[in-house]
Amino acid sequence: MYNSEIDELADAVVRINKRQEAKDFLKNILTPGELEEIVKRLQIIKLLKKGIPQREISKKLDVSIGTITRGSRELKYGAPGFKKII
């Protein structure tokens, strides 16, 4: 993926200033499955930040431990987006 295309997407997101606009944009740009996966990832990060064990998160959200571990790695070593936004 090219940085200019990521910049273009980020610019589109920054222009959103109302919740309904954000919901509409997400529903337009993502498939229902993609949207569901992103929602789960957000929940994973929130639960990890609360200190909930990975196995408990796995059962609660019906996701694999690998998916949760990826989220945990992003919190620890990834770009600061999760830490700043969530």
N, C-alpha and C. Protein backbone atom coordinates (compact mmCIF):
# COMPACT_ATOMS: atom_id res chain seq x y z
N MET A 1 0.85 -1.18 0.00
CA MET A 1 0.00 0.00 0.00
C MET A 1 0.90 1.24 0.00
N TYR A 2 0.50 2.21 -0.76
CA TYR A 2 1.30 3.42 -0.89
C TYR A 2 0.96 4.43 0.19
N ASN A 3 1.99 5.12 0.67
CA ASN A 3 1.78 6.12 1.72
C ASN A 3 0.81 7.20 1.31
N SER A 4 0.84 7.61 0.04
CA SER A 4 -0.06 8.68 -0.40
C SER A 4 -1.51 8.23 -0.31
N GLU A 5 -1.78 6.94 -0.54
CA GLU A 5 -3.14 6.42 -0.44
C GLU A 5 -3.58 6.33 1.02
N ILE A 6 -2.66 5.98 1.89
CA ILE A 6 -2.97 5.98 3.33
C ILE A 6 -3.23 7.41 3.78
N ASP A 7 -2.42 8.35 3.29
CA ASP A 7 -2.63 9.76 3.61
C ASP A 7 -4.03 10.22 3.17
N GLU A 8 -4.43 9.80 1.97
CA GLU A 8 -5.74 10.18 1.45
C GLU A 8 -6.87 9.64 2.33
N LEU A 9 -6.74 8.39 2.77
CA LEU A 9 -7.73 7.80 3.66
C LEU A 9 -7.73 8.53 5.00
N ALA A 10 -6.56 8.80 5.55
CA ALA A 10 -6.46 9.52 6.82
C ALA A 10 -7.09 10.91 6.70
N ASP A 11 -6.85 11.58 5.59
CA ASP A 11 -7.45 12.90 5.38
C ASP A 11 -8.98 12.82 5.36
N ALA A 12 -9.51 11.78 4.73
CA ALA A 12 -10.96 11.60 4.69
C ALA A 12 -11.51 11.39 6.09
N VAL A 13 -10.82 10.61 6.90
CA VAL A 13 -11.25 10.35 8.27
C VAL A 13 -11.20 11.63 9.10
N VAL A 14 -10.17 12.42 8.93
CA VAL A 14 -10.02 13.66 9.69
C VAL A 14 -11.14 14.65 9.38
N ARG A 15 -11.67 14.60 8.17
CA ARG A 15 -12.75 15.52 7.79
C ARG A 15 -14.08 15.16 8.46
N ILE A 16 -14.18 13.98 9.02
CA ILE A 16 -15.43 13.56 9.67
C ILE A 16 -15.52 14.24 11.03
N ASN A 17 -16.65 14.90 11.29
CA ASN A 17 -16.77 15.57 12.59
C ASN A 17 -18.07 15.25 13.31
N LYS A 18 -18.82 14.30 12.79
CA LYS A 18 -20.06 13.89 13.46
C LYS A 18 -20.14 12.37 13.48
N ARG A 19 -20.71 11.83 14.57
CA ARG A 19 -20.79 10.38 14.72
C ARG A 19 -21.54 9.74 13.56
N GLN A 20 -22.68 10.30 13.16
CA GLN A 20 -23.45 9.68 12.07
C GLN A 20 -22.67 9.69 10.77
N GLU A 21 -21.92 10.76 10.52
CA GLU A 21 -21.07 10.80 9.32
C GLU A 21 -20.03 9.69 9.37
N ALA A 22 -19.44 9.48 10.54
CA ALA A 22 -18.44 8.44 10.71
C ALA A 22 -19.05 7.05 10.47
N LYS A 23 -20.23 6.82 11.06
CA LYS A 23 -20.90 5.53 10.86
C LYS A 23 -21.23 5.31 9.39
N ASP A 24 -21.76 6.32 8.74
CA ASP A 24 -22.09 6.20 7.32
C ASP A 24 -20.85 5.91 6.48
N PHE A 25 -19.77 6.63 6.76
CA PHE A 25 -18.52 6.43 6.03
C PHE A 25 -18.02 5.00 6.20
N LEU A 26 -18.00 4.54 7.45
CA LEU A 26 -17.53 3.18 7.71
C LEU A 26 -18.39 2.13 7.01
N LYS A 27 -19.70 2.33 7.03
CA LYS A 27 -20.60 1.39 6.36
C LYS A 27 -20.44 1.43 4.85
N ASN A 28 -20.07 2.59 4.31
CA ASN A 28 -19.86 2.71 2.86
C ASN A 28 -18.54 2.10 2.41
N ILE A 29 -17.50 2.29 3.20
CA ILE A 29 -16.16 1.89 2.75
C ILE A 29 -15.81 0.44 3.11
N LEU A 30 -16.49 -0.11 4.11
CA LEU A 30 -16.18 -1.47 4.57
C LEU A 30 -17.35 -2.41 4.31
N THR A 31 -17.02 -3.67 4.10
CA THR A 31 -18.07 -4.69 4.04
C THR A 31 -18.57 -4.92 5.46
N PRO A 32 -19.75 -5.52 5.61
CA PRO A 32 -20.22 -5.83 6.97
C PRO A 32 -19.22 -6.68 7.75
N GLY A 33 -18.58 -7.64 7.09
CA GLY A 33 -17.59 -8.48 7.77
C GLY A 33 -16.37 -7.70 8.22
N GLU A 34 -15.89 -6.79 7.36
CA GLU A 34 -14.74 -5.97 7.72
C GLU A 34 -15.08 -5.07 8.90
N LEU A 35 -16.26 -4.49 8.87
CA LEU A 35 -16.69 -3.62 9.97
C LEU A 35 -16.76 -4.41 11.27
N GLU A 36 -17.30 -5.62 11.22
CA GLU A 36 -17.39 -6.46 12.42
C GLU A 36 -15.99 -6.78 12.96
N GLU A 37 -15.05 -7.07 12.07
CA GLU A 37 -13.69 -7.37 12.52
C GLU A 37 -13.04 -6.15 13.18
N ILE A 38 -13.24 -4.99 12.62
CA ILE A 38 -12.66 -3.77 13.21
C ILE A 38 -13.28 -3.49 14.57
N VAL A 39 -14.58 -3.68 14.68
CA VAL A 39 -15.25 -3.49 15.97
C VAL A 39 -14.66 -4.46 17.01
N LYS A 40 -14.44 -5.71 16.62
CA LYS A 40 -13.85 -6.68 17.54
C LYS A 40 -12.43 -6.27 17.94
N ARG A 41 -11.66 -5.79 16.99
CA ARG A 41 -10.29 -5.36 17.30
C ARG A 41 -10.30 -4.22 18.31
N LEU A 42 -11.22 -3.30 18.14
CA LEU A 42 -11.35 -2.20 19.09
C LEU A 42 -11.67 -2.73 20.48
N GLN A 43 -12.61 -3.68 20.56
CA GLN A 43 -12.98 -4.27 21.85
C GLN A 43 -11.80 -5.01 22.47
N ILE A 44 -11.03 -5.72 21.64
CA ILE A 44 -9.85 -6.42 22.13
C ILE A 44 -8.90 -5.44 22.80
N ILE A 45 -8.61 -4.34 22.13
CA ILE A 45 -7.67 -3.35 22.67
C ILE A 45 -8.20 -2.78 23.98
N LYS A 46 -9.48 -2.45 24.02
CA LYS A 46 -10.06 -1.90 25.24
C LYS A 46 -9.95 -2.89 26.39
N LEU A 47 -10.24 -4.16 26.14
CA LEU A 47 -10.17 -5.17 27.20
C LEU A 47 -8.72 -5.43 27.63
N LEU A 48 -7.80 -5.44 26.68
CA LEU A 48 -6.39 -5.61 27.03
C LEU A 48 -5.91 -4.47 27.92
N LYS A 49 -6.31 -3.25 27.57
CA LYS A 49 -5.90 -2.09 28.37
C LYS A 49 -6.46 -2.16 29.79
N LYS A 50 -7.61 -2.84 29.96
CA LYS A 50 -8.19 -3.02 31.29
C LYS A 50 -7.53 -4.15 32.06
N GLY A 51 -6.63 -4.89 31.40
CA GLY A 51 -5.94 -5.99 32.06
C GLY A 51 -6.68 -7.31 32.03
N ILE A 52 -7.69 -7.44 31.18
CA ILE A 52 -8.45 -8.68 31.08
C ILE A 52 -7.55 -9.74 30.43
N PRO A 53 -7.49 -10.96 30.99
CA PRO A 53 -6.65 -12.02 30.42
C PRO A 53 -7.07 -12.38 28.98
N GLN A 54 -6.09 -12.76 28.18
CA GLN A 54 -6.35 -13.08 26.79
C GLN A 54 -7.37 -14.20 26.62
N ARG A 55 -7.30 -15.22 27.44
CA ARG A 55 -8.25 -16.34 27.30
C ARG A 55 -9.68 -15.88 27.58
N GLU A 56 -9.84 -15.00 28.52
CA GLU A 56 -11.18 -14.47 28.83
C GLU A 56 -11.70 -13.62 27.65
N ILE A 57 -10.81 -12.82 27.07
CA ILE A 57 -11.19 -12.02 25.91
C ILE A 57 -11.58 -12.94 24.76
N SER A 58 -10.82 -13.99 24.56
CA SER A 58 -11.09 -14.95 23.49
C SER A 58 -12.49 -15.53 23.61
N LYS A 59 -12.84 -15.94 24.80
CA LYS A 59 -14.17 -16.51 25.03
C LYS A 59 -15.27 -15.46 24.86
N LYS A 60 -15.05 -14.29 25.43
CA LYS A 60 -16.06 -13.23 25.41
C LYS A 60 -16.37 -12.76 23.99
N LEU A 61 -15.32 -12.60 23.17
CA LEU A 61 -15.50 -12.03 21.83
C LEU A 61 -15.49 -13.09 20.72
N ASP A 62 -15.25 -14.35 21.09
CA ASP A 62 -15.19 -15.44 20.12
C ASP A 62 -14.15 -15.16 19.04
N VAL A 63 -12.93 -14.85 19.52
CA VAL A 63 -11.79 -14.62 18.63
C VAL A 63 -10.64 -15.50 19.09
N SER A 64 -9.70 -15.73 18.18
CA SER A 64 -8.56 -16.58 18.51
C SER A 64 -7.56 -15.86 19.42
N ILE A 65 -6.79 -16.64 20.12
CA ILE A 65 -5.72 -16.09 20.96
C ILE A 65 -4.72 -15.34 20.08
N GLY A 66 -4.48 -15.85 18.87
CA GLY A 66 -3.56 -15.18 17.94
C GLY A 66 -3.99 -13.77 17.60
N THR A 67 -5.28 -13.59 17.41
CA THR A 67 -5.80 -12.25 17.12
C THR A 67 -5.59 -11.32 18.30
N ILE A 68 -5.80 -11.84 19.49
CA ILE A 68 -5.61 -11.04 20.70
C ILE A 68 -4.13 -10.73 20.90
N THR A 69 -3.28 -11.71 20.65
CA THR A 69 -1.84 -11.51 20.79
C THR A 69 -1.36 -10.43 19.83
N ARG A 70 -1.90 -10.43 18.62
CA ARG A 70 -1.53 -9.39 17.66
C ARG A 70 -1.89 -8.01 18.22
N GLY A 71 -3.09 -7.90 18.79
CA GLY A 71 -3.50 -6.64 19.39
C GLY A 71 -2.58 -6.23 20.54
N SER A 72 -2.20 -7.22 21.34
CA SER A 72 -1.30 -6.96 22.47
C SER A 72 0.06 -6.45 21.97
N ARG A 73 0.57 -7.08 20.92
CA ARG A 73 1.86 -6.63 20.35
C ARG A 73 1.75 -5.20 19.82
N GLU A 74 0.64 -4.90 19.16
CA GLU A 74 0.45 -3.54 18.64
C GLU A 74 0.44 -2.52 19.78
N LEU A 75 -0.21 -2.87 20.88
CA LEU A 75 -0.23 -1.97 22.03
C LEU A 75 1.18 -1.73 22.57
N LYS A 76 1.96 -2.81 22.63
CA LYS A 76 3.31 -2.71 23.21
C LYS A 76 4.33 -2.12 22.27
N TYR A 77 4.31 -2.54 21.00
CA TYR A 77 5.41 -2.21 20.10
C TYR A 77 5.00 -1.41 18.86
N GLY A 78 3.72 -1.28 18.61
CA GLY A 78 3.25 -0.64 17.38
C GLY A 78 3.26 0.88 17.47
N ALA A 79 2.77 1.46 16.39
CA ALA A 79 2.62 2.91 16.35
C ALA A 79 1.70 3.34 17.50
N PRO A 80 1.79 4.59 17.94
CA PRO A 80 1.06 5.02 19.13
C PRO A 80 -0.44 5.26 18.94
N GLY A 81 -0.99 4.89 17.80
CA GLY A 81 -2.41 5.17 17.52
C GLY A 81 -3.36 4.65 18.57
N PHE A 82 -3.24 3.38 18.94
CA PHE A 82 -4.15 2.83 19.96
C PHE A 82 -4.04 3.57 21.27
N LYS A 83 -2.83 3.84 21.69
CA LYS A 83 -2.61 4.48 22.98
C LYS A 83 -3.18 5.89 23.02
N LYS A 84 -3.11 6.59 21.89
CA LYS A 84 -3.60 7.97 21.84
C LYS A 84 -5.11 8.05 21.70
N ILE A 85 -5.70 7.13 20.96
CA ILE A 85 -7.11 7.23 20.62
C ILE A 85 -8.01 6.47 21.59
N ILE A 86 -7.56 5.32 22.03
CA ILE A 86 -8.42 4.46 22.86
C ILE A 86 -8.01 4.58 24.32
